[in-house]
Structures are given as C-alpha cells and as structure tokens.
Amino acid sequence: MDLKQIDQTLSLLRAYGAKHFKYKDDDIELELDLAAQVPNDDMPAPTASHLTGSTQLPSNHDTNDTEDNEKVIRSQMIGTFYLQDEKELTKPVIKVGDHINKGDIIGYVEAMKVMNDVTADASGEITEIPVDHGENIEHNQIIVKLK
C-alpha cells in the first residue's frame, strides 16, 4: 500500500464517518484510528444510505470565483467521476454549453461501489469539464467550470 492509497483510504474513511480501519497483508500492517479527530463539517454526516444506495453529495461548499467571473465546482470526495449514472457513456447529464442551476445533478462519483450524486452549488453556463467520464478524481479537484 503506497502513500496515495493510504491518503485515498483516509479520505473515504472520513467521508463515511468511519472511526477505525485496520489493513494487513503479507508485507504491511496498517491501523488508522480517527475517533480522536474533530469531524469535518464539509463532509456529509454518515447515514445508512451511504452504505446501501445512491446518495446526494454537495459538489463543493467553496465555489471559487476567478477574475473572469468564472466559477469552478470541485469534487468533495475521492472516487471515479461519471457524466451519467452508468459506466457506459451514452447520454451525459451535462455537456459544455449547457446552463445549469444550483442543485442540478451534474454527475456521479462512485466510491466503495456506491454511486453518489454530485450537485451544482452554483448556476451558470458550463465552459469546461476538465475531467473525463470514468476518470479517477481526487478530493477538491475541479470537475466543472462555469461562467
């Protein structure tokens, strides 16, 4: 298990509210205890739906405005980003040039075999989608640019 995998595991544990994680194989033993950490208010509170079905996650609490009045929407979790709720791309939810409103579903992030809705936290016209359908994304990575 490398540092990137440990970081991804830590982010997933925080996202789902897990307090303890233990991993062991032939080469490594890793134990993480998050019980003493202060909860992150940016992450949704854990619920049963996180484990059993689709959930809705805010795409970003910190929409950034740039000089050109451009807004960006960032991922709130690590996972695989999809432009529709299926792995085979046939009808993307959004495309460049579309106008979206705050609260619209703009994509999905698959994490731990659960498809999570990603919703827009700002309204505007999509100018760029810097991530591809099926691409692995990191926490706080830009997934949509708006004007």
C-alpha atoms as a PDB file:
ATOM      1  CA  MET A   1       0.000   0.000   0.000  1.00  0.00           C
ATOM      2  CA  ASP A   2       1.603   3.271  -1.092  1.00  0.00           C
ATOM      3  CA  LEU A   3       1.099   6.788   0.281  1.00  0.00           C
ATOM      4  CA  LYS A   4      -1.536   7.660  -2.353  1.00  0.00           C
ATOM      5  CA  GLN A   5      -3.614   4.592  -1.432  1.00  0.00           C
ATOM      6  CA  ILE A   6      -3.348   5.475   2.263  1.00  0.00           C
ATOM      7  CA  ASP A   7      -4.481   9.042   1.506  1.00  0.00           C
ATOM      8  CA  GLN A   8      -7.444   7.752  -0.536  1.00  0.00           C
ATOM      9  CA  THR A   9      -8.387   5.330   2.228  1.00  0.00           C
ATOM     10  CA  LEU A  10      -8.206   8.105   4.827  1.00  0.00           C
ATOM     11  CA  SER A  11     -10.445  10.366   2.719  1.00  0.00           C
ATOM     12  CA  LEU A  12     -13.013   7.595   2.256  1.00  0.00           C
ATOM     13  CA  LEU A  13     -12.995   6.827   5.983  1.00  0.00           C
ATOM     14  CA  ARG A  14     -13.653  10.489   6.747  1.00  0.00           C
ATOM     15  CA  ALA A  15     -16.353  10.732   4.062  1.00  0.00           C
ATOM     16  CA  TYR A  16     -18.276   7.813   5.521  1.00  0.00           C
ATOM     17  CA  GLY A  17     -17.673   8.656   9.161  1.00  0.00           C
ATOM     18  CA  ALA A  18     -15.636   5.550   9.941  1.00  0.00           C
ATOM     19  CA  LYS A  19     -13.651   5.750  13.164  1.00  0.00           C
ATOM     20  CA  HIS A  20     -11.301   2.797  12.819  1.00  0.00           C
ATOM     21  CA  PHE A  21      -9.591   0.955   9.945  1.00  0.00           C
ATOM     22  CA  LYS A  22      -7.218  -1.978  10.004  1.00  0.00           C
ATOM     23  CA  TYR A  23      -5.437  -3.463   6.967  1.00  0.00           C
ATOM     24  CA  LYS A  24      -2.991  -6.339   6.904  1.00  0.00           C
ATOM     25  CA  ASP A  25      -1.322  -8.327   4.145  1.00  0.00           C
ATOM     26  CA  ASP A  26       1.974 -10.167   3.722  1.00  0.00           C
ATOM     27  CA  ASP A  27       4.087  -7.013   3.565  1.00  0.00           C
ATOM     28  CA  ILE A  28       2.303  -4.367   5.610  1.00  0.00           C
ATOM     29  CA  GLU A  29       0.038  -3.831   8.571  1.00  0.00           C
ATOM     30  CA  LEU A  30      -1.791  -0.516   8.834  1.00  0.00           C
ATOM     31  CA  GLU A  31      -4.145   0.640  11.562  1.00  0.00           C
ATOM     32  CA  LEU A  32      -5.891   4.026  11.498  1.00  0.00           C
ATOM     33  CA  ASP A  33      -7.881   5.404  14.424  1.00  0.00           C
ATOM     34  CA  LEU A  34      -9.914   8.511  13.577  1.00  0.00           C
ATOM     35  CA  ALA A  35     -12.004   8.548  16.760  1.00  0.00           C
ATOM     36  CA  ALA A  36      -9.994  11.388  18.317  1.00  0.00           C
ATOM     37  CA  GLN A  37     -10.234  13.672  15.266  1.00  0.00           C
ATOM     38  CA  VAL A  38     -12.549  16.675  15.039  1.00  0.00           C
ATOM     39  CA  PRO A  39     -15.330  15.973  12.489  1.00  0.00           C
ATOM     40  CA  ASN A  40     -15.081  17.714   9.106  1.00  0.00           C
ATOM     41  CA  ASP A  41     -18.185  19.897   8.592  1.00  0.00           C
ATOM     42  CA  ASP A  42     -17.661  19.867   4.802  1.00  0.00           C
ATOM     43  CA  MET A  43     -18.435  16.156   4.603  1.00  0.00           C
ATOM     44  CA  PRO A  44     -21.974  14.789   4.854  1.00  0.00           C
ATOM     45  CA  ALA A  45     -22.960  13.053   8.059  1.00  0.00           C
ATOM     46  CA  PRO A  46     -22.896   9.268   7.725  1.00  0.00           C
ATOM     47  CA  THR A  47     -26.259   7.656   7.138  1.00  0.00           C
ATOM     48  CA  ALA A  48     -27.488   4.214   6.206  1.00  0.00           C
ATOM     49  CA  SER A  49     -27.926   5.354   2.595  1.00  0.00           C
ATOM     50  CA  HIS A  50     -24.145   5.810   2.305  1.00  0.00           C
ATOM     51  CA  LEU A  51     -23.798   2.069   2.567  1.00  0.00           C
ATOM     52  CA  THR A  52     -26.830   0.839   0.697  1.00  0.00           C
ATOM     53  CA  GLY A  53     -27.713   3.106  -2.210  1.00  0.00           C
ATOM     54  CA  SER A  54     -27.272   6.323  -4.076  1.00  0.00           C
ATOM     55  CA  THR A  55     -26.602   9.423  -2.036  1.00  0.00           C
ATOM     56  CA  GLN A  56     -26.507  13.069  -2.912  1.00  0.00           C
ATOM     57  CA  LEU A  57     -23.346  14.982  -2.152  1.00  0.00           C
ATOM     58  CA  PRO A  58     -22.807  18.705  -2.493  1.00  0.00           C
ATOM     59  CA  SER A  59     -20.162  19.137  -5.155  1.00  0.00           C
ATOM     60  CA  ASN A  60     -18.443  21.977  -3.338  1.00  0.00           C
ATOM     61  CA  HIS A  61     -19.049  24.253  -0.411  1.00  0.00           C
ATOM     62  CA  ASP A  62     -16.281  26.545  -1.620  1.00  0.00           C
ATOM     63  CA  THR A  63     -17.225  27.555  -5.156  1.00  0.00           C
ATOM     64  CA  ASN A  64     -14.337  29.647  -6.368  1.00  0.00           C
ATOM     65  CA  ASP A  65     -14.871  32.799  -8.412  1.00  0.00           C
ATOM     66  CA  THR A  66     -11.993  33.806 -10.653  1.00  0.00           C
ATOM     67  CA  GLU A  67     -11.176  37.176 -12.188  1.00  0.00           C
ATOM     68  CA  ASP A  68     -13.212  36.419 -15.339  1.00  0.00           C
ATOM     69  CA  ASN A  69     -16.339  35.782 -13.253  1.00  0.00           C
ATOM     70  CA  GLU A  70     -15.668  32.099 -13.839  1.00  0.00           C
ATOM     71  CA  LYS A  71     -16.835  29.686 -11.156  1.00  0.00           C
ATOM     72  CA  VAL A  72     -15.485  26.215 -10.515  1.00  0.00           C
ATOM     73  CA  ILE A  73     -17.179  23.231  -8.956  1.00  0.00           C
ATOM     74  CA  ARG A  74     -14.894  20.860  -7.083  1.00  0.00           C
ATOM     75  CA  SER A  75     -15.251  17.262  -6.022  1.00  0.00           C
ATOM     76  CA  GLN A  76     -15.963  16.622  -2.355  1.00  0.00           C
ATOM     77  CA  MET A  77     -14.700  13.056  -2.390  1.00  0.00           C
ATOM     78  CA  ILE A  78     -12.250  10.672  -3.978  1.00  0.00           C
ATOM     79  CA  GLY A  79     -13.687   8.242  -6.470  1.00  0.00           C
ATOM     80  CA  THR A  80     -14.466   7.705 -10.130  1.00  0.00           C
ATOM     81  CA  PHE A  81     -16.361  10.515 -11.862  1.00  0.00           C
ATOM     82  CA  TYR A  82     -19.126   9.703 -14.331  1.00  0.00           C
ATOM     83  CA  LEU A  83     -21.205  12.023 -16.523  1.00  0.00           C
ATOM     84  CA  GLN A  84     -24.174   9.653 -16.235  1.00  0.00           C
ATOM     85  CA  ASP A  85     -25.276   7.003 -13.768  1.00  0.00           C
ATOM     86  CA  GLU A  86     -23.933   4.166 -15.909  1.00  0.00           C
ATOM     87  CA  LYS A  87     -20.350   3.304 -16.725  1.00  0.00           C
ATOM     88  CA  GLU A  88     -21.006   3.210 -20.497  1.00  0.00           C
ATOM     89  CA  LEU A  89     -21.350   6.822 -21.703  1.00  0.00           C
ATOM     90  CA  THR A  90     -24.448   7.227 -23.887  1.00  0.00           C
ATOM     91  CA  LYS A  91     -26.332  10.256 -22.513  1.00  0.00           C
ATOM     92  CA  PRO A  92     -24.197  12.564 -20.351  1.00  0.00           C
ATOM     93  CA  VAL A  93     -26.073  14.604 -17.744  1.00  0.00           C
ATOM     94  CA  ILE A  94     -24.135  17.753 -18.738  1.00  0.00           C
ATOM     95  CA  LYS A  95     -22.010  18.997 -21.614  1.00  0.00           C
ATOM     96  CA  VAL A  96     -20.095  22.181 -22.455  1.00  0.00           C
ATOM     97  CA  GLY A  97     -22.534  24.972 -23.287  1.00  0.00           C
ATOM     98  CA  ASP A  98     -25.329  23.698 -21.025  1.00  0.00           C
ATOM     99  CA  HIS A  99     -26.847  26.069 -18.468  1.00  0.00           C
ATOM    100  CA  ILE A 100     -27.135  24.532 -15.005  1.00  0.00           C
ATOM    101  CA  ASN A 101     -28.854  25.748 -11.870  1.00  0.00           C
ATOM    102  CA  LYS A 102     -27.817  25.386  -8.261  1.00  0.00           C
ATOM    103  CA  GLY A 103     -28.921  21.939  -7.071  1.00  0.00           C
ATOM    104  CA  ASP A 104     -28.883  20.273 -10.519  1.00  0.00           C
ATOM    105  CA  ILE A 105     -27.194  16.879 -10.756  1.00  0.00           C
ATOM    106  CA  ILE A 106     -24.019  17.360 -12.793  1.00  0.00           C
ATOM    107  CA  GLY A 107     -22.504  13.900 -12.477  1.00  0.00           C
ATOM    108  CA  TYR A 108     -21.811  10.974 -10.213  1.00  0.00           C
ATOM    109  CA  VAL A 109     -18.868   9.824  -8.120  1.00  0.00           C
ATOM    110  CA  GLU A 110     -18.508   6.120  -7.487  1.00  0.00           C
ATOM    111  CA  ALA A 111     -16.821   5.338  -4.187  1.00  0.00           C
ATOM    112  CA  MET A 112     -16.890   1.991  -2.408  1.00  0.00           C
ATOM    113  CA  LYS A 113     -19.300   0.585  -5.049  1.00  0.00           C
ATOM    114  CA  VAL A 114     -21.870   3.342  -4.352  1.00  0.00           C
ATOM    115  CA  MET A 115     -22.883   5.911  -6.993  1.00  0.00           C
ATOM    116  CA  ASN A 116     -23.156   9.336  -5.322  1.00  0.00           C
ATOM    117  CA  ASP A 117     -24.968  12.245  -6.998  1.00  0.00           C
ATOM    118  CA  VAL A 118     -22.851  15.364  -7.484  1.00  0.00           C
ATOM    119  CA  THR A 119     -24.953  18.536  -7.416  1.00  0.00           C
ATOM    120  CA  ALA A 120     -24.107  22.025  -8.598  1.00  0.00           C
ATOM    121  CA  ASP A 121     -23.685  24.606  -5.881  1.00  0.00           C
ATOM    122  CA  ALA A 122     -23.791  27.478  -8.373  1.00  0.00           C
ATOM    123  CA  SER A 123     -25.692  28.397 -11.515  1.00  0.00           C
ATOM    124  CA  GLY A 124     -24.153  29.261 -14.857  1.00  0.00           C
ATOM    125  CA  GLU A 125     -23.114  28.092 -18.296  1.00  0.00           C
ATOM    126  CA  ILE A 126     -20.639  25.214 -18.465  1.00  0.00           C
ATOM    127  CA  THR A 127     -17.427  26.354 -20.144  1.00  0.00           C
ATOM    128  CA  GLU A 128     -15.276  23.308 -19.457  1.00  0.00           C
ATOM    129  CA  ILE A 129     -15.460  19.826 -17.977  1.00  0.00           C
ATOM    130  CA  PRO A 130     -11.783  19.140 -17.182  1.00  0.00           C
ATOM    131  CA  VAL A 131     -12.381  15.520 -16.130  1.00  0.00           C
ATOM    132  CA  ASP A 132     -13.420  12.682 -18.414  1.00  0.00           C
ATOM    133  CA  HIS A 133     -16.214  10.167 -17.907  1.00  0.00           C
ATOM    134  CA  GLY A 134     -14.748   7.271 -15.899  1.00  0.00           C
ATOM    135  CA  GLU A 135     -11.737   9.253 -14.656  1.00  0.00           C
ATOM    136  CA  ASN A 136     -10.460   8.852 -11.103  1.00  0.00           C
ATOM    137  CA  ILE A 137     -10.715  12.128  -9.216  1.00  0.00           C
ATOM    138  CA  GLU A 138      -9.267  13.486  -6.006  1.00  0.00           C
ATOM    139  CA  HIS A 139     -10.892  15.470  -3.214  1.00  0.00           C
ATOM    140  CA  ASN A 140     -11.172  19.178  -4.116  1.00  0.00           C
ATOM    141  CA  GLN A 141     -10.332  18.557  -7.808  1.00  0.00           C
ATOM    142  CA  ILE A 142     -12.080  20.868 -10.301  1.00  0.00           C
ATOM    143  CA  ILE A 143     -14.751  18.901 -12.161  1.00  0.00           C
ATOM    144  CA  VAL A 144     -16.741  21.693 -13.885  1.00  0.00           C
ATOM    145  CA  LYS A 145     -16.027  25.314 -14.840  1.00  0.00           C
ATOM    146  CA  LEU A 146     -18.896  27.817 -15.217  1.00  0.00           C
ATOM    147  CA  LYS A 147     -19.321  31.402 -16.361  1.00  0.00           C
END
